[in-house]
């Protein structure tokens, strides 16, 4: 039994394995690129590690955190 399959049970020739690997790497790189773009856009819309400046305007427009007056 002398075939040029890669490893037991893979059923791929070395050329098929290289083609599959190229497709896998390309699709993973595309996914990472889209994820980075999405994270950047969300960060620009609403940063999740803000300083004090981004939320100062929002805090003045919301209800107070404590109630003053009679309990």
PDB file of N, CA and C in Angstrom:
ATOM      1  N   UNK A   1       0.841  -1.181   0.000  1.00  0.00           N
ATOM      2  CA  UNK A   1       0.000   0.000   0.000  1.00  0.00           C
ATOM      3  C   UNK A   1       0.885   1.244   0.000  1.00  0.00           C
ATOM      4  N   UNK A   2       1.114   1.789  -1.130  1.00  0.00           N
ATOM      5  CA  UNK A   2       1.990   2.953  -1.245  1.00  0.00           C
ATOM      6  C   UNK A   2       1.241   4.092  -1.918  1.00  0.00           C
ATOM      7  N   UNK A   3       0.436   4.757  -1.189  1.00  0.00           N
ATOM      8  CA  UNK A   3      -0.205   5.957  -1.718  1.00  0.00           C
ATOM      9  C   UNK A   3       0.413   7.173  -1.035  1.00  0.00           C
ATOM     10  N   UNK A   4       0.179   8.316  -1.574  1.00  0.00           N
ATOM     11  CA  UNK A   4       0.783   9.522  -0.999  1.00  0.00           C
ATOM     12  C   UNK A   4      -0.235  10.330  -0.210  1.00  0.00           C
ATOM     13  N   UNK A   5      -0.973   9.647   0.629  1.00  0.00           N
ATOM     14  CA  UNK A   5      -1.903  10.323   1.537  1.00  0.00           C
ATOM     15  C   UNK A   5      -1.143  10.790   2.766  1.00  0.00           C
ATOM     16  N   UNK A   6      -1.613  11.879   3.373  1.00  0.00           N
ATOM     17  CA  UNK A   6      -0.929  12.442   4.532  1.00  0.00           C
ATOM     18  C   UNK A   6      -1.533  11.867   5.804  1.00  0.00           C
ATOM     19  N   UNK A   7      -0.820  11.048   6.512  1.00  0.00           N
ATOM     20  CA  UNK A   7      -1.246  10.539   7.804  1.00  0.00           C
ATOM     21  C   UNK A   7      -2.415   9.575   7.702  1.00  0.00           C
ATOM     22  N   UNK A   8      -2.712   8.896   8.798  1.00  0.00           N
ATOM     23  CA  UNK A   8      -3.819   7.929   8.784  1.00  0.00           C
ATOM     24  C   UNK A   8      -5.179   8.623   8.836  1.00  0.00           C
ATOM     25  N   UNK A   9      -6.042   8.281   7.915  1.00  0.00           N
ATOM     26  CA  UNK A   9      -7.417   8.761   7.952  1.00  0.00           C
ATOM     27  C   UNK A   9      -7.650  10.166   7.450  1.00  0.00           C
ATOM     28  N   UNK A  10      -6.686  10.811   6.802  1.00  0.00           N
ATOM     29  CA  UNK A  10      -6.924  12.167   6.327  1.00  0.00           C
ATOM     30  C   UNK A  10      -7.546  12.180   4.946  1.00  0.00           C
ATOM     31  N   UNK A  11      -7.226  11.182   4.145  1.00  0.00           N
ATOM     32  CA  UNK A  11      -7.766  11.058   2.787  1.00  0.00           C
ATOM     33  C   UNK A  11      -7.449  12.273   1.933  1.00  0.00           C
ATOM     34  N   UNK A  12      -6.304  12.897   2.164  1.00  0.00           N
ATOM     35  CA  UNK A  12      -5.861  14.031   1.357  1.00  0.00           C
ATOM     36  C   UNK A  12      -4.461  13.775   0.835  1.00  0.00           C
ATOM     37  N   UNK A  13      -4.263  14.147  -0.391  1.00  0.00           N
ATOM     38  CA  UNK A  13      -2.906  14.131  -0.923  1.00  0.00           C
ATOM     39  C   UNK A  13      -2.188  15.381  -0.433  1.00  0.00           C
ATOM     40  N   UNK A  14      -0.883  15.425  -0.523  1.00  0.00           N
ATOM     41  CA  UNK A  14      -0.170  16.642  -0.096  1.00  0.00           C
ATOM     42  C   UNK A  14      -0.636  17.897  -0.840  1.00  0.00           C
ATOM     43  N   UNK A  15      -0.954  17.764  -2.121  1.00  0.00           N
ATOM     44  CA  UNK A  15      -1.445  18.934  -2.860  1.00  0.00           C
ATOM     45  C   UNK A  15      -2.820  19.378  -2.365  1.00  0.00           C
ATOM     46  N   UNK A  16      -3.699  18.415  -2.066  1.00  0.00           N
ATOM     47  CA  UNK A  16      -5.019  18.760  -1.522  1.00  0.00           C
ATOM     48  C   UNK A  16      -4.882  19.407  -0.147  1.00  0.00           C
ATOM     49  N   UNK A  17      -3.960  18.889   0.661  1.00  0.00           N
ATOM     50  CA  UNK A  17      -3.750  19.458   1.999  1.00  0.00           C
ATOM     51  C   UNK A  17      -3.235  20.887   1.910  1.00  0.00           C
ATOM     52  N   UNK A  18      -2.335  21.152   0.984  1.00  0.00           N
ATOM     53  CA  UNK A  18      -1.831  22.516   0.805  1.00  0.00           C
ATOM     54  C   UNK A  18      -2.936  23.454   0.331  1.00  0.00           C
ATOM     55  N   UNK A  19      -3.786  22.973  -0.555  1.00  0.00           N
ATOM     56  CA  UNK A  19      -4.899  23.796  -1.032  1.00  0.00           C
ATOM     57  C   UNK A  19      -5.882  24.095   0.096  1.00  0.00           C
ATOM     58  N   UNK A  20      -6.198  23.063   0.891  1.00  0.00           N
ATOM     59  CA  UNK A  20      -7.096  23.261   2.026  1.00  0.00           C
ATOM     60  C   UNK A  20      -6.491  24.238   3.033  1.00  0.00           C
ATOM     61  N   UNK A  21      -5.191  24.094   3.305  1.00  0.00           N
ATOM     62  CA  UNK A  21      -4.526  24.977   4.259  1.00  0.00           C
ATOM     63  C   UNK A  21      -4.550  26.419   3.772  1.00  0.00           C
ATOM     64  N   UNK A  22      -4.324  26.627   2.480  1.00  0.00           N
ATOM     65  CA  UNK A  22      -4.354  27.987   1.927  1.00  0.00           C
ATOM     66  C   UNK A  22      -5.741  28.599   2.081  1.00  0.00           C
ATOM     67  N   UNK A  23      -6.790  27.828   1.789  1.00  0.00           N
ATOM     68  CA  UNK A  23      -8.159  28.323   1.952  1.00  0.00           C
ATOM     69  C   UNK A  23      -8.471  28.618   3.418  1.00  0.00           C
ATOM     70  N   UNK A  24      -8.018  27.730   4.313  1.00  0.00           N
ATOM     71  CA  UNK A  24      -8.264  27.916   5.742  1.00  0.00           C
ATOM     72  C   UNK A  24      -7.578  29.182   6.252  1.00  0.00           C
ATOM     73  N   UNK A  25      -6.324  29.392   5.889  1.00  0.00           N
ATOM     74  CA  UNK A  25      -5.584  30.576   6.336  1.00  0.00           C
ATOM     75  C   UNK A  25      -6.213  31.849   5.769  1.00  0.00           C
ATOM     76  N   UNK A  26      -6.609  31.809   4.498  1.00  0.00           N
ATOM     77  CA  UNK A  26      -7.223  32.980   3.875  1.00  0.00           C
ATOM     78  C   UNK A  26      -8.542  33.340   4.542  1.00  0.00           C
ATOM     79  N   UNK A  27      -9.381  32.337   4.796  1.00  0.00           N
ATOM     80  CA  UNK A  27     -10.674  32.628   5.420  1.00  0.00           C
ATOM     81  C   UNK A  27     -10.506  33.076   6.870  1.00  0.00           C
ATOM     82  N   UNK A  28      -9.525  32.540   7.584  1.00  0.00           N
ATOM     83  CA  UNK A  28      -9.263  32.987   8.948  1.00  0.00           C
ATOM     84  C   UNK A  28      -8.769  34.434   8.962  1.00  0.00           C
ATOM     85  N   UNK A  29      -7.891  34.774   8.031  1.00  0.00           N
ATOM     86  CA  UNK A  29      -7.396  36.146   7.949  1.00  0.00           C
ATOM     87  C   UNK A  29      -8.534  37.116   7.621  1.00  0.00           C
ATOM     88  N   UNK A  30      -9.424  36.721   6.726  1.00  0.00           N
ATOM     89  CA  UNK A  30     -10.576  37.567   6.399  1.00  0.00           C
ATOM     90  C   UNK A  30     -11.480  37.750   7.614  1.00  0.00           C
ATOM     91  N   UNK A  31     -11.726  36.676   8.357  1.00  0.00           N
ATOM     92  CA  UNK A  31     -12.556  36.761   9.563  1.00  0.00           C
ATOM     93  C   UNK A  31     -11.932  37.702  10.587  1.00  0.00           C
ATOM     94  N   UNK A  32     -10.626  37.601  10.795  1.00  0.00           N
ATOM     95  CA  UNK A  32      -9.942  38.460  11.764  1.00  0.00           C
ATOM     96  C   UNK A  32     -10.003  39.921  11.309  1.00  0.00           C
ATOM     97  N   UNK A  33      -9.842  40.156  10.019  1.00  0.00           N
ATOM     98  CA  UNK A  33      -9.932  41.516   9.492  1.00  0.00           C
ATOM     99  C   UNK A  33     -11.316  42.111   9.732  1.00  0.00           C
ATOM    100  N   UNK A  34     -12.370  41.355   9.435  1.00  0.00           N
ATOM    101  CA  UNK A  34     -13.741  41.834   9.647  1.00  0.00           C
ATOM    102  C   UNK A  34     -13.992  42.074  11.134  1.00  0.00           C
ATOM    103  N   UNK A  35     -13.489  41.188  11.988  1.00  0.00           N
ATOM    104  CA  UNK A  35     -13.664  41.361  13.435  1.00  0.00           C
ATOM    105  C   UNK A  35     -12.947  42.619  13.931  1.00  0.00           C
ATOM    106  N   UNK A  36     -11.755  42.889  13.415  1.00  0.00           N
ATOM    107  CA  UNK A  36     -11.022  44.103  13.816  1.00  0.00           C
ATOM    108  C   UNK A  36     -11.756  45.360  13.372  1.00  0.00           C
ATOM    109  N   UNK A  37     -12.284  45.361  12.165  1.00  0.00           N
ATOM    110  CA  UNK A  37     -13.048  46.509  11.679  1.00  0.00           C
ATOM    111  C   UNK A  37     -14.290  46.716  12.541  1.00  0.00           C
ATOM    112  N   UNK A  38     -14.990  45.626  12.860  1.00  0.00           N
ATOM    113  CA  UNK A  38     -16.191  45.728  13.691  1.00  0.00           C
ATOM    114  C   UNK A  38     -15.852  46.258  15.081  1.00  0.00           C
ATOM    115  N   UNK A  39     -14.771  45.764  15.677  1.00  0.00           N
ATOM    116  CA  UNK A  39     -14.379  46.250  17.003  1.00  0.00           C
ATOM    117  C   UNK A  39     -13.997  47.731  16.952  1.00  0.00           C
ATOM    118  N   UNK A  40     -13.311  48.142  15.911  1.00  0.00           N
ATOM    119  CA  UNK A  40     -12.954  49.556  15.787  1.00  0.00           C
ATOM    120  C   UNK A  40     -14.204  50.423  15.676  1.00  0.00           C
ATOM    121  N   UNK A  41     -15.171  49.989  14.859  1.00  0.00           N
ATOM    122  CA  UNK A  41     -16.389  50.780  14.697  1.00  0.00           C
ATOM    123  C   UNK A  41     -17.192  50.857  15.995  1.00  0.00           C
ATOM    124  N   UNK A  42     -17.261  49.766  16.729  1.00  0.00           N
ATOM    125  CA  UNK A  42     -17.966  49.786  18.016  1.00  0.00           C
ATOM    126  C   UNK A  42     -17.218  50.659  19.011  1.00  0.00           C
ATOM    127  N   UNK A  43     -15.874  50.604  18.980  1.00  0.00           N
ATOM    128  CA  UNK A  43     -15.086  51.452  19.874  1.00  0.00           C
ATOM    129  C   UNK A  43     -15.337  52.927  19.587  1.00  0.00           C
ATOM    130  N   UNK A  44     -15.438  53.283  18.327  1.00  0.00           N
ATOM    131  CA  UNK A  44     -15.716  54.672  17.977  1.00  0.00           C
ATOM    132  C   UNK A  44     -17.121  55.080  18.407  1.00  0.00           C
ATOM    133  N   UNK A  45     -18.053  54.156  18.354  1.00  0.00           N
ATOM    134  CA  UNK A  45     -19.432  54.451  18.717  1.00  0.00           C
ATOM    135  C   UNK A  45     -19.582  54.544  20.229  1.00  0.00           C
ATOM    136  N   UNK A  46     -19.045  53.562  20.953  1.00  0.00           N
ATOM    137  CA  UNK A  46     -19.195  53.525  22.402  1.00  0.00           C
ATOM    138  C   UNK A  46     -18.001  52.804  23.018  1.00  0.00           C
ATOM    139  N   UNK A  47     -16.961  53.536  23.427  1.00  0.00           N
ATOM    140  CA  UNK A  47     -15.756  52.885  23.963  1.00  0.00           C
ATOM    141  C   UNK A  47     -16.036  52.147  25.263  1.00  0.00           C
ATOM    142  N   UNK A  48     -15.423  50.984  25.421  1.00  0.00           N
ATOM    143  CA  UNK A  48     -15.683  50.180  26.615  1.00  0.00           C
ATOM    144  C   UNK A  48     -14.650  50.410  27.705  1.00  0.00           C
ATOM    145  N   UNK A  49     -13.564  51.166  27.436  1.00  0.00           N
ATOM    146  CA  UNK A  49     -12.623  51.611  28.457  1.00  0.00           C
ATOM    147  C   UNK A  49     -12.531  53.128  28.377  1.00  0.00           C
ATOM    148  N   UNK A  50     -13.573  53.821  28.776  1.00  0.00           N
ATOM    149  CA  UNK A  50     -13.564  55.266  28.563  1.00  0.00           C
ATOM    150  C   UNK A  50     -12.766  55.996  29.642  1.00  0.00           C
ATOM    151  N   UNK A  51     -12.368  57.192  29.296  1.00  0.00           N
ATOM    152  CA  UNK A  51     -11.853  58.107  30.299  1.00  0.00           C
ATOM    153  C   UNK A  51     -13.055  58.800  30.928  1.00  0.00           C
ATOM    154  N   UNK A  52     -12.865  59.938  31.531  1.00  0.00           N
ATOM    155  CA  UNK A  52     -13.995  60.640  32.130  1.00  0.00           C
ATOM    156  C   UNK A  52     -14.742  61.493  31.123  1.00  0.00           C
ATOM    157  N   UNK A  53     -14.075  61.916  30.057  1.00  0.00           N
ATOM    158  CA  UNK A  53     -14.707  62.830  29.101  1.00  0.00           C
ATOM    159  C   UNK A  53     -15.882  62.218  28.327  1.00  0.00           C
ATOM    160  N   UNK A  54     -15.815  60.987  27.837  1.00  0.00           N
ATOM    161  CA  UNK A  54     -16.925  60.504  27.010  1.00  0.00           C
ATOM    162  C   UNK A  54     -18.253  60.390  27.751  1.00  0.00           C
ATOM    163  N   UNK A  55     -18.216  60.161  29.056  1.00  0.00           N
ATOM    164  CA  UNK A  55     -19.461  59.948  29.770  1.00  0.00           C
ATOM    165  C   UNK A  55     -19.925  61.147  30.591  1.00  0.00           C
ATOM    166  N   UNK A  56     -19.177  62.235  30.585  1.00  0.00           N
ATOM    167  CA  UNK A  56     -19.609  63.407  31.341  1.00  0.00           C
ATOM    168  C   UNK A  56     -20.933  63.948  30.819  1.00  0.00           C
ATOM    169  N   UNK A  57     -21.076  64.028  29.523  1.00  0.00           N
ATOM    170  CA  UNK A  57     -22.323  64.549  28.953  1.00  0.00           C
ATOM    171  C   UNK A  57     -23.478  63.609  29.235  1.00  0.00           C
ATOM    172  N   UNK A  58     -23.222  62.308  29.176  1.00  0.00           N
ATOM    173  CA  UNK A  58     -24.282  61.338  29.418  1.00  0.00           C
ATOM    174  C   UNK A  58     -24.724  61.306  30.874  1.00  0.00           C
ATOM    175  N   UNK A  59     -23.814  61.549  31.801  1.00  0.00           N
ATOM    176  CA  UNK A  59     -24.168  61.511  33.214  1.00  0.00           C
ATOM    177  C   UNK A  59     -25.033  62.701  33.618  1.00  0.00           C
ATOM    178  N   UNK A  60     -24.866  63.832  32.985  1.00  0.00           N
ATOM    179  CA  UNK A  60     -25.677  64.982  33.346  1.00  0.00           C
ATOM    180  C   UNK A  60     -27.099  64.849  32.802  1.00  0.00           C
ATOM    181  N   UNK A  61     -27.283  64.047  31.778  1.00  0.00           N
ATOM    182  CA  UNK A  61     -28.601  63.906  31.179  1.00  0.00           C
ATOM    183  C   UNK A  61     -29.419  62.795  31.823  1.00  0.00           C
ATOM    184  N   UNK A  62     -28.828  61.993  32.705  1.00  0.00           N
ATOM    185  CA  UNK A  62     -29.547  60.879  33.317  1.00  0.00           C
ATOM    186  C   UNK A  62     -30.068  61.270  34.690  1.00  0.00           C
ATOM    187  N   UNK A  63     -30.878  60.417  35.250  1.00  0.00           N
ATOM    188  CA  UNK A  63     -31.431  60.659  36.582  1.00  0.00           C
ATOM    189  C   UNK A  63     -30.317  60.563  37.620  1.00  0.00           C
ATOM    190  N   UNK A  64     -30.459  61.241  38.733  1.00  0.00           N
ATOM    191  CA  UNK A  64     -29.427  61.163  39.767  1.00  0.00           C
ATOM    192  C   UNK A  64     -29.351  59.756  40.351  1.00  0.00           C
ATOM    193  N   UNK A  65     -28.165  59.402  40.844  1.00  0.00           N
ATOM    194  CA  UNK A  65     -27.967  58.080  41.391  1.00  0.00           C
ATOM    195  C   UNK A  65     -28.549  57.941  42.799  1.00  0.00           C
ATOM    196  N   UNK A  66     -28.720  59.024  43.509  1.00  0.00           N
ATOM    197  CA  UNK A  66     -29.310  58.978  44.857  1.00  0.00           C
ATOM    198  C   UNK A  66     -30.493  59.925  44.907  1.00  0.00           C
ATOM    199  N   UNK A  67     -31.405  59.621  45.777  1.00  0.00           N
ATOM    200  CA  UNK A  67     -32.617  60.435  45.910  1.00  0.00           C
ATOM    201  C   UNK A  67     -32.445  61.312  47.139  1.00  0.00           C
ATOM    202  N   UNK A  68     -32.655  62.601  46.973  1.00  0.00           N
ATOM    203  CA  UNK A  68     -32.585  63.500  48.115  1.00  0.00           C
ATOM    204  C   UNK A  68     -33.991  63.767  48.601  1.00  0.00           C
ATOM    205  N   UNK A  69     -34.110  63.989  49.846  1.00  0.00           N
ATOM    206  CA  UNK A  69     -35.425  64.274  50.394  1.00  0.00           C
ATOM    207  C   UNK A  69     -35.847  63.224  51.414  1.00  0.00           C
ATOM    208  N   UNK A  70     -37.141  63.168  51.688  1.00  0.00           N
ATOM    209  CA  UNK A  70     -37.652  62.232  52.685  1.00  0.00           C
ATOM    210  C   UNK A  70     -37.645  60.803  52.144  1.00  0.00           C
ATOM    211  N   UNK A  71     -37.390  59.859  53.037  1.00  0.00           N
ATOM    212  CA  UNK A  71     -37.340  58.455  52.642  1.00  0.00           C
ATOM    213  C   UNK A  71     -38.697  57.796  52.769  1.00  0.00           C
TER     214      UNK A  71
END
